[in-house]
Amino acid sequence: MSTLLEDITSRDPARVWSSSCAIIKLRDAAELARLAAHLPEIERSTRDLALGGALFPNVEHLRFTLRKLAYHQQSMGCLCRLYPEYLLFNPRQEAEAGNVRIDDVTYVEGRWVDAYVCTCTACGARYRVEEREYHYTWWGWKALAPEPLQPTTRDRAPA
């Protein structure tokens, strides 16, 4: 049994929270598949578990972890499609991990980040990511429509 599986099924709130956060960042397809194979067990062992959290309920990390494992298990597509479902995907960290490329950053009054434009390095999907702050920084990911293909000379009608 993997350490992540042991931790998330332990019923120890600190271990469940910590493993949830690790699974949220996990991109290893084989490890995600191993964990997803135990999804019913994970759901049973974490049901009604009080995870606390002052400003952001820690149960949200667990809920998203369960969603990610189900998404992976059902082969629903690129993991980047889950970005809009979780407020704590920091585009800079995702870029450092090689998951996205930051194409543009806009600022408010030249000082504060307003939004990023990012491209998934796996599938090419593009996102506008608003950076906001209240008691903590959070990010709102929104998929952008694919850019239209530019016609090439052979696609143009003769003059």
N, C-alpha and C. Protein backbone atom coordinates (compact mmCIF):
# COMPACT_ATOMS: atom_id res chain seq x y z
N MET A 1 0.85 -1.18 0.00
CA MET A 1 0.00 0.00 0.00
C MET A 1 0.90 1.24 0.00
N SER A 2 0.58 2.20 -0.85
CA SER A 2 1.39 3.42 -0.93
C SER A 2 1.18 4.27 0.30
N THR A 3 2.14 5.13 0.58
CA THR A 3 2.04 6.04 1.72
C THR A 3 0.83 6.95 1.57
N LEU A 4 0.59 7.45 0.34
CA LEU A 4 -0.56 8.33 0.13
C LEU A 4 -1.87 7.60 0.45
N LEU A 5 -1.97 6.36 0.03
CA LEU A 5 -3.18 5.59 0.31
C LEU A 5 -3.32 5.32 1.81
N GLU A 6 -2.22 4.97 2.45
CA GLU A 6 -2.26 4.75 3.91
C GLU A 6 -2.70 6.02 4.63
N ASP A 7 -2.15 7.15 4.21
CA ASP A 7 -2.48 8.41 4.88
C ASP A 7 -3.93 8.83 4.66
N ILE A 8 -4.39 8.75 3.42
CA ILE A 8 -5.74 9.24 3.14
C ILE A 8 -6.83 8.33 3.73
N THR A 9 -6.50 7.09 4.00
CA THR A 9 -7.47 6.17 4.60
C THR A 9 -7.27 6.02 6.12
N SER A 10 -6.36 6.79 6.69
CA SER A 10 -5.98 6.63 8.10
C SER A 10 -7.02 7.13 9.11
N ARG A 11 -7.93 8.00 8.69
CA ARG A 11 -8.90 8.68 9.55
C ARG A 11 -8.23 9.71 10.47
N ASP A 12 -6.93 9.91 10.33
CA ASP A 12 -6.23 10.95 11.07
C ASP A 12 -6.37 12.24 10.26
N PRO A 13 -7.07 13.25 10.80
CA PRO A 13 -7.34 14.46 10.02
C PRO A 13 -6.09 15.11 9.40
N ALA A 14 -5.00 15.17 10.14
CA ALA A 14 -3.78 15.79 9.60
C ALA A 14 -3.22 14.99 8.43
N ARG A 15 -3.21 13.67 8.55
CA ARG A 15 -2.69 12.82 7.47
C ARG A 15 -3.62 12.85 6.26
N VAL A 16 -4.92 12.87 6.49
CA VAL A 16 -5.88 12.92 5.37
C VAL A 16 -5.73 14.24 4.63
N TRP A 17 -5.65 15.34 5.37
CA TRP A 17 -5.49 16.67 4.75
C TRP A 17 -4.18 16.74 3.96
N SER A 18 -3.09 16.29 4.58
CA SER A 18 -1.78 16.34 3.93
C SER A 18 -1.75 15.49 2.66
N SER A 19 -2.30 14.29 2.72
CA SER A 19 -2.30 13.42 1.54
C SER A 19 -3.23 13.97 0.46
N SER A 20 -4.32 14.59 0.87
CA SER A 20 -5.22 15.22 -0.11
C SER A 20 -4.48 16.30 -0.89
N CYS A 21 -3.75 17.13 -0.18
CA CYS A 21 -2.99 18.20 -0.84
C CYS A 21 -1.93 17.62 -1.77
N ALA A 22 -1.30 16.52 -1.38
CA ALA A 22 -0.29 15.90 -2.23
C ALA A 22 -0.94 15.30 -3.49
N ILE A 23 -2.09 14.68 -3.34
CA ILE A 23 -2.78 14.08 -4.49
C ILE A 23 -3.26 15.17 -5.45
N ILE A 24 -3.66 16.30 -4.92
CA ILE A 24 -4.09 17.40 -5.78
C ILE A 24 -2.96 17.82 -6.72
N LYS A 25 -1.73 17.80 -6.25
CA LYS A 25 -0.59 18.18 -7.09
C LYS A 25 -0.04 17.03 -7.92
N LEU A 26 -0.44 15.82 -7.62
CA LEU A 26 0.10 14.62 -8.27
C LEU A 26 -0.27 14.58 -9.75
N ARG A 27 0.72 14.27 -10.59
CA ARG A 27 0.49 14.14 -12.03
C ARG A 27 0.92 12.77 -12.56
N ASP A 28 1.48 11.94 -11.71
CA ASP A 28 1.93 10.61 -12.14
C ASP A 28 0.71 9.73 -12.42
N ALA A 29 0.51 9.40 -13.70
CA ALA A 29 -0.70 8.66 -14.12
C ALA A 29 -0.79 7.29 -13.45
N ALA A 30 0.33 6.59 -13.31
CA ALA A 30 0.30 5.26 -12.70
C ALA A 30 -0.11 5.34 -11.22
N GLU A 31 0.44 6.31 -10.51
CA GLU A 31 0.09 6.47 -9.09
C GLU A 31 -1.37 6.91 -8.94
N LEU A 32 -1.82 7.81 -9.82
CA LEU A 32 -3.23 8.21 -9.77
C LEU A 32 -4.14 7.01 -10.03
N ALA A 33 -3.77 6.15 -10.95
CA ALA A 33 -4.57 4.95 -11.25
C ALA A 33 -4.60 4.01 -10.05
N ARG A 34 -3.45 3.84 -9.38
CA ARG A 34 -3.41 2.98 -8.19
C ARG A 34 -4.32 3.52 -7.10
N LEU A 35 -4.27 4.83 -6.89
CA LEU A 35 -5.13 5.45 -5.87
C LEU A 35 -6.60 5.38 -6.28
N ALA A 36 -6.88 5.66 -7.54
CA ALA A 36 -8.26 5.64 -8.02
C ALA A 36 -8.88 4.26 -7.90
N ALA A 37 -8.07 3.22 -8.00
CA ALA A 37 -8.57 1.85 -7.84
C ALA A 37 -9.13 1.62 -6.43
N HIS A 38 -8.71 2.44 -5.49
CA HIS A 38 -9.16 2.34 -4.10
C HIS A 38 -10.18 3.42 -3.74
N LEU A 39 -10.76 4.05 -4.74
CA LEU A 39 -11.67 5.17 -4.48
C LEU A 39 -12.81 4.82 -3.53
N PRO A 40 -13.50 3.68 -3.68
CA PRO A 40 -14.57 3.35 -2.72
C PRO A 40 -14.05 3.26 -1.28
N GLU A 41 -12.88 2.68 -1.10
CA GLU A 41 -12.28 2.57 0.23
C GLU A 41 -11.93 3.96 0.79
N ILE A 42 -11.39 4.81 -0.07
CA ILE A 42 -11.04 6.17 0.35
C ILE A 42 -12.30 6.94 0.75
N GLU A 43 -13.35 6.82 -0.05
CA GLU A 43 -14.61 7.50 0.27
C GLU A 43 -15.18 7.01 1.59
N ARG A 44 -15.15 5.70 1.81
CA ARG A 44 -15.67 5.14 3.07
C ARG A 44 -14.88 5.64 4.27
N SER A 45 -13.56 5.61 4.15
CA SER A 45 -12.72 5.95 5.30
C SER A 45 -12.70 7.45 5.61
N THR A 46 -13.09 8.27 4.66
CA THR A 46 -13.07 9.72 4.90
C THR A 46 -14.46 10.30 5.12
N ARG A 47 -15.48 9.48 4.97
CA ARG A 47 -16.86 9.96 5.15
C ARG A 47 -17.04 10.52 6.56
N ASP A 48 -17.64 11.69 6.64
CA ASP A 48 -17.96 12.35 7.92
C ASP A 48 -16.73 12.64 8.78
N LEU A 49 -15.58 12.78 8.18
CA LEU A 49 -14.37 13.08 8.93
C LEU A 49 -14.25 14.60 9.10
N ALA A 50 -14.11 15.06 10.32
CA ALA A 50 -13.95 16.49 10.59
C ALA A 50 -12.51 16.90 10.32
N LEU A 51 -12.32 17.76 9.31
CA LEU A 51 -10.97 18.13 8.93
C LEU A 51 -10.58 19.56 9.32
N GLY A 52 -11.53 20.32 9.87
CA GLY A 52 -11.23 21.67 10.33
C GLY A 52 -10.95 22.63 9.19
N GLY A 53 -10.17 23.64 9.51
CA GLY A 53 -9.84 24.68 8.54
C GLY A 53 -10.49 25.98 8.95
N ALA A 54 -9.69 27.01 9.12
CA ALA A 54 -10.23 28.28 9.61
C ALA A 54 -10.83 29.12 8.49
N LEU A 55 -10.04 29.47 7.50
CA LEU A 55 -10.51 30.35 6.44
C LEU A 55 -11.02 29.60 5.22
N PHE A 56 -10.50 28.42 5.01
CA PHE A 56 -10.90 27.58 3.88
C PHE A 56 -11.10 26.18 4.44
N PRO A 57 -12.30 25.63 4.36
CA PRO A 57 -12.56 24.32 4.96
C PRO A 57 -11.66 23.24 4.35
N ASN A 58 -10.94 22.53 5.18
CA ASN A 58 -10.04 21.49 4.70
C ASN A 58 -10.77 20.36 3.99
N VAL A 59 -12.05 20.21 4.24
CA VAL A 59 -12.82 19.18 3.55
C VAL A 59 -12.87 19.48 2.04
N GLU A 60 -12.68 20.75 1.65
CA GLU A 60 -12.67 21.08 0.22
C GLU A 60 -11.48 20.47 -0.49
N HIS A 61 -10.36 20.35 0.20
CA HIS A 61 -9.19 19.67 -0.38
C HIS A 61 -9.52 18.20 -0.62
N LEU A 62 -10.16 17.59 0.37
CA LEU A 62 -10.55 16.19 0.23
C LEU A 62 -11.57 16.01 -0.88
N ARG A 63 -12.58 16.86 -0.93
CA ARG A 63 -13.60 16.75 -1.99
C ARG A 63 -12.97 16.83 -3.37
N PHE A 64 -12.04 17.77 -3.53
CA PHE A 64 -11.40 17.90 -4.84
C PHE A 64 -10.53 16.69 -5.13
N THR A 65 -9.86 16.16 -4.13
CA THR A 65 -9.05 14.95 -4.32
C THR A 65 -9.92 13.80 -4.82
N LEU A 66 -11.07 13.60 -4.21
CA LEU A 66 -11.99 12.53 -4.64
C LEU A 66 -12.46 12.78 -6.07
N ARG A 67 -12.74 14.03 -6.40
CA ARG A 67 -13.16 14.39 -7.75
C ARG A 67 -12.05 14.08 -8.75
N LYS A 68 -10.81 14.44 -8.41
CA LYS A 68 -9.67 14.21 -9.31
C LYS A 68 -9.46 12.71 -9.54
N LEU A 69 -9.54 11.92 -8.49
CA LEU A 69 -9.35 10.48 -8.64
C LEU A 69 -10.45 9.87 -9.51
N ALA A 70 -11.69 10.30 -9.33
CA ALA A 70 -12.79 9.80 -10.16
C ALA A 70 -12.60 10.24 -11.61
N TYR A 71 -12.18 11.47 -11.81
CA TYR A 71 -11.94 12.02 -13.14
C TYR A 71 -10.87 11.19 -13.85
N HIS A 72 -9.78 10.91 -13.14
CA HIS A 72 -8.69 10.11 -13.72
C HIS A 72 -9.16 8.69 -14.01
N GLN A 73 -9.87 8.10 -13.07
CA GLN A 73 -10.34 6.73 -13.23
C GLN A 73 -11.23 6.58 -14.46
N GLN A 74 -12.04 7.58 -14.73
CA GLN A 74 -12.96 7.54 -15.86
C GLN A 74 -12.33 8.06 -17.16
N SER A 75 -11.03 8.35 -17.13
CA SER A 75 -10.30 8.84 -18.31
C SER A 75 -11.06 9.96 -19.01
N MET A 76 -11.39 10.97 -18.25
CA MET A 76 -12.24 12.05 -18.77
C MET A 76 -11.48 13.11 -19.55
N GLY A 77 -10.16 13.06 -19.58
CA GLY A 77 -9.39 14.04 -20.34
C GLY A 77 -8.20 14.57 -19.56
N CYS A 78 -7.63 15.60 -20.11
CA CYS A 78 -6.46 16.23 -19.51
C CYS A 78 -6.80 16.76 -18.11
N LEU A 79 -5.89 16.60 -17.18
CA LEU A 79 -6.11 17.07 -15.81
C LEU A 79 -6.27 18.59 -15.73
N CYS A 80 -5.82 19.30 -16.75
CA CYS A 80 -5.98 20.76 -16.71
C CYS A 80 -7.45 21.16 -16.70
N ARG A 81 -8.31 20.32 -17.17
CA ARG A 81 -9.74 20.65 -17.18
C ARG A 81 -10.32 20.78 -15.77
N LEU A 82 -9.56 20.31 -14.79
CA LEU A 82 -10.00 20.43 -13.40
C LEU A 82 -9.60 21.76 -12.76
N TYR A 83 -8.74 22.53 -13.41
CA TYR A 83 -8.31 23.80 -12.83
C TYR A 83 -9.48 24.68 -12.37
N PRO A 84 -10.54 24.85 -13.18
CA PRO A 84 -11.62 25.73 -12.75
C PRO A 84 -12.39 25.25 -11.51
N GLU A 85 -12.18 24.02 -11.09
CA GLU A 85 -12.94 23.46 -9.98
C GLU A 85 -12.28 23.63 -8.61
N TYR A 86 -11.07 24.23 -8.57
CA TYR A 86 -10.34 24.32 -7.31
C TYR A 86 -9.65 25.68 -7.24
N LEU A 87 -9.90 26.43 -6.20
CA LEU A 87 -9.42 27.81 -6.10
C LEU A 87 -7.93 27.96 -5.79
N LEU A 88 -7.25 26.88 -5.49
CA LEU A 88 -5.87 27.01 -5.02
C LEU A 88 -4.82 26.52 -6.01
N PHE A 89 -5.17 26.44 -7.29
CA PHE A 89 -4.16 26.13 -8.30
C PHE A 89 -3.44 27.43 -8.66
N ASN A 90 -2.26 27.60 -8.12
CA ASN A 90 -1.44 28.78 -8.36
C ASN A 90 -0.76 28.62 -9.72
N PRO A 91 -1.03 29.51 -10.68
CA PRO A 91 -0.45 29.35 -12.01
C PRO A 91 1.07 29.38 -12.02
N ARG A 92 1.66 30.14 -11.12
CA ARG A 92 3.13 30.16 -11.06
C ARG A 92 3.69 28.80 -10.62
N GLN A 93 3.06 28.19 -9.64
CA GLN A 93 3.50 26.85 -9.21
C GLN A 93 3.25 25.82 -10.30
N GLU A 94 2.11 25.95 -11.00
CA GLU A 94 1.81 25.02 -12.10
C GLU A 94 2.83 25.18 -13.22
N ALA A 95 3.28 26.41 -13.46
CA ALA A 95 4.31 26.65 -14.48
C ALA A 95 5.65 26.07 -14.03
N GLU A 96 6.01 26.26 -12.76
CA GLU A 96 7.25 25.70 -12.23
C GLU A 96 7.26 24.18 -12.32
N ALA A 97 6.09 23.56 -12.16
CA ALA A 97 5.98 22.10 -12.24
C ALA A 97 5.95 21.62 -13.70
N GLY A 98 5.88 22.56 -14.64
CA GLY A 98 5.86 22.18 -16.05
C GLY A 98 4.48 21.84 -16.58
N ASN A 99 3.44 22.13 -15.82
CA ASN A 99 2.08 21.79 -16.23
C ASN A 99 1.45 22.82 -17.16
N VAL A 100 1.85 24.07 -17.00
CA VAL A 100 1.35 25.14 -17.86
C VAL A 100 2.51 26.05 -18.25
N ARG A 101 2.25 26.85 -19.25
CA ARG A 101 3.16 27.92 -19.64
C ARG A 101 2.39 29.22 -19.42
N ILE A 102 3.01 30.19 -18.77
CA ILE A 102 2.37 31.50 -18.58
C ILE A 102 2.73 32.34 -19.80
N ASP A 103 1.71 32.70 -20.57
CA ASP A 103 1.90 33.46 -21.80
C ASP A 103 1.82 34.97 -21.58
N ASP A 104 1.07 35.40 -20.58
CA ASP A 104 0.89 36.83 -20.36
C ASP A 104 0.44 37.05 -18.92
N VAL A 105 0.80 38.19 -18.37
CA VAL A 105 0.35 38.61 -17.04
C VAL A 105 -0.11 40.06 -17.16
N THR A 106 -1.30 40.35 -16.66
CA THR A 106 -1.77 41.74 -16.62
C THR A 106 -1.79 42.19 -15.16
N TYR A 107 -1.53 43.48 -14.98
CA TYR A 107 -1.42 44.05 -13.65
C TYR A 107 -2.43 45.17 -13.43
N VAL A 108 -2.80 45.38 -12.18
CA VAL A 108 -3.62 46.50 -11.77
C VAL A 108 -2.66 47.56 -11.24
N GLU A 109 -2.77 48.76 -11.79
CA GLU A 109 -1.92 49.87 -11.38
C GLU A 109 -0.44 49.51 -11.44
N GLY A 110 -0.09 48.58 -12.32
CA GLY A 110 1.31 48.21 -12.50
C GLY A 110 1.94 47.47 -11.34
N ARG A 111 1.14 47.11 -10.34
CA ARG A 111 1.72 46.50 -9.13
C ARG A 111 1.14 45.14 -8.78
N TRP A 112 -0.17 45.00 -8.89
CA TRP A 112 -0.81 43.78 -8.43
C TRP A 112 -1.26 42.95 -9.62
N VAL A 113 -1.06 41.66 -9.52
CA VAL A 113 -1.48 40.78 -10.61
C VAL A 113 -2.99 40.79 -10.71
N ASP A 114 -3.48 41.02 -11.91
CA ASP A 114 -4.91 40.93 -12.19
C ASP A 114 -5.22 39.54 -12.74
N ALA A 115 -4.47 39.15 -13.78
CA ALA A 115 -4.77 37.86 -14.42
C ALA A 115 -3.56 37.35 -15.20
N TYR A 116 -3.58 36.06 -15.40
CA TYR A 116 -2.58 35.37 -16.22
C TYR A 116 -3.32 34.78 -17.42
N VAL A 117 -2.60 34.59 -18.50
CA VAL A 117 -3.07 33.74 -19.59
C VAL A 117 -2.08 32.59 -19.63
N CYS A 118 -2.62 31.38 -19.49
CA CYS A 118 -1.79 30.18 -19.41
C CYS A 118 -2.20 29.18 -20.48
N THR A 119 -1.23 28.37 -20.88
CA THR A 119 -1.46 27.28 -21.83
C THR A 119 -1.01 25.98 -21.20
N CYS A 120 -1.86 24.96 -21.24
CA CYS A 120 -1.51 23.64 -20.72
C CYS A 120 -0.42 23.04 -21.61
N THR A 121 0.63 22.54 -20.99
CA THR A 121 1.73 21.96 -21.76
C THR A 121 1.41 20.55 -22.27
N ALA A 122 0.36 19.94 -21.75
CA ALA A 122 -0.02 18.59 -22.19
C ALA A 122 -0.98 18.61 -23.37
N CYS A 123 -1.99 19.48 -23.31
CA CYS A 123 -3.03 19.44 -24.35
C CYS A 123 -3.20 20.74 -25.12
N GLY A 124 -2.55 21.81 -24.66
CA GLY A 124 -2.64 23.08 -25.37
C GLY A 124 -3.84 23.94 -25.01
N ALA A 125 -4.69 23.49 -24.08
CA ALA A 125 -5.84 24.30 -23.66
C ALA A 125 -5.33 25.59 -23.04
N ARG A 126 -6.08 26.67 -23.27
CA ARG A 126 -5.70 27.98 -22.76
C ARG A 126 -6.69 28.44 -21.70
N TYR A 127 -6.15 29.18 -20.72
CA TYR A 127 -6.95 29.65 -19.60
C TYR A 127 -6.62 31.10 -19.27
N ARG A 128 -7.64 31.82 -18.84
CA ARG A 128 -7.46 33.12 -18.20
C ARG A 128 -7.61 32.86 -16.72
N VAL A 129 -6.62 33.27 -15.96
CA VAL A 129 -6.59 32.96 -14.53
C VAL A 129 -6.57 34.26 -13.74
N GLU A 130 -7.67 34.56 -13.08
CA GLU A 130 -7.74 35.76 -12.25
C GLU A 130 -7.14 35.46 -10.88
N GLU A 131 -6.28 36.37 -10.44
CA GLU A 131 -5.70 36.25 -9.11
C GLU A 131 -6.43 37.20 -8.19
N ARG A 132 -6.93 36.68 -7.09
CA ARG A 132 -7.68 37.49 -6.14
C ARG A 132 -7.20 37.19 -4.72
N GLU A 133 -7.53 38.12 -3.84
CA GLU A 133 -7.11 37.96 -2.46
C GLU A 133 -8.22 38.44 -1.54
N TYR A 134 -8.42 37.70 -0.49
CA TYR A 134 -9.32 38.12 0.57
C TYR A 134 -8.53 37.88 1.86
N HIS A 135 -8.73 36.76 2.51
CA HIS A 135 -7.87 36.41 3.64
C HIS A 135 -6.68 35.58 3.18
N TYR A 136 -6.73 35.11 1.96
CA TYR A 136 -5.65 34.35 1.35
C TYR A 136 -5.77 34.56 -0.15
N THR A 137 -4.72 34.25 -0.90
CA THR A 137 -4.75 34.41 -2.35
C THR A 137 -5.42 33.18 -2.95
N TRP A 138 -6.25 33.42 -3.96
CA TRP A 138 -6.91 32.33 -4.69
C TRP A 138 -6.94 32.68 -6.17
N TRP A 139 -7.19 31.67 -7.01
CA TRP A 139 -7.15 31.85 -8.45
C TRP A 139 -8.40 31.27 -9.08
N GLY A 140 -8.98 32.03 -9.99
CA GLY A 140 -10.15 31.58 -10.74
C GLY A 140 -9.76 31.29 -12.17
N TRP A 141 -9.76 30.01 -12.54
CA TRP A 141 -9.37 29.57 -13.88
C TRP A 141 -10.61 29.51 -14.77
N LYS A 142 -10.51 30.10 -15.95
CA LYS A 142 -11.59 30.03 -16.94
C LYS A 142 -10.99 29.64 -18.29
N ALA A 143 -11.56 28.61 -18.89
CA ALA A 143 -11.08 28.16 -20.19
C ALA A 143 -11.33 29.23 -21.24
N LEU A 144 -10.36 29.43 -22.10
CA LEU A 144 -10.50 30.35 -23.22
C LEU A 144 -10.84 29.55 -24.47
N ALA A 145 -11.59 30.15 -25.35
CA ALA A 145 -11.90 29.49 -26.62
C ALA A 145 -10.59 29.31 -27.39
N PRO A 146 -10.45 28.19 -28.10
CA PRO A 146 -9.23 28.01 -28.90
C PRO A 146 -9.09 29.13 -29.92
N GLU A 147 -7.87 29.52 -30.16
CA GLU A 147 -7.63 30.55 -31.17
C GLU A 147 -7.91 29.98 -32.54
N PRO A 148 -8.56 30.76 -33.41
CA PRO A 148 -8.83 30.24 -34.76
C PRO A 148 -7.52 30.06 -35.52
N LEU A 149 -7.50 29.06 -36.36
CA LEU A 149 -6.32 28.82 -37.18
C LEU A 149 -6.19 29.94 -38.20
N GLN A 150 -4.98 30.36 -38.43
CA GLN A 150 -4.72 31.39 -39.43
C GLN A 150 -4.62 30.71 -40.79
N PRO A 151 -5.27 31.25 -41.81
CA PRO A 151 -5.19 30.61 -43.13
C PRO A 151 -3.78 30.70 -43.68
N THR A 152 -3.38 29.64 -44.35
CA THR A 152 -2.09 29.62 -45.00
C THR A 152 -2.30 30.03 -46.45
N THR A 153 -1.24 30.23 -47.18
CA THR A 153 -1.36 30.67 -48.57
C THR A 153 -2.13 29.65 -49.41
N ARG A 154 -1.99 28.38 -49.13
CA ARG A 154 -2.70 27.39 -49.93
C ARG A 154 -4.18 27.33 -49.57
N ASP A 155 -4.58 27.89 -48.38
CA ASP A 155 -5.99 27.91 -47.99
C ASP A 155 -6.74 29.09 -48.59
N ARG A 156 -6.01 30.07 -49.09
CA ARG A 156 -6.65 31.28 -49.61
C ARG A 156 -7.15 31.05 -51.04
N ALA A 157 -8.26 31.68 -51.33
CA ALA A 157 -8.80 31.62 -52.70
C ALA A 157 -7.90 32.42 -53.62
N PRO A 158 -7.75 31.97 -54.85
CA PRO A 158 -6.90 32.74 -55.79
C PRO A 158 -7.50 34.11 -56.02
N ALA A 159 -6.61 35.08 -56.19
CA ALA A 159 -7.05 36.48 -56.39
C ALA A 159 -7.55 36.71 -57.81
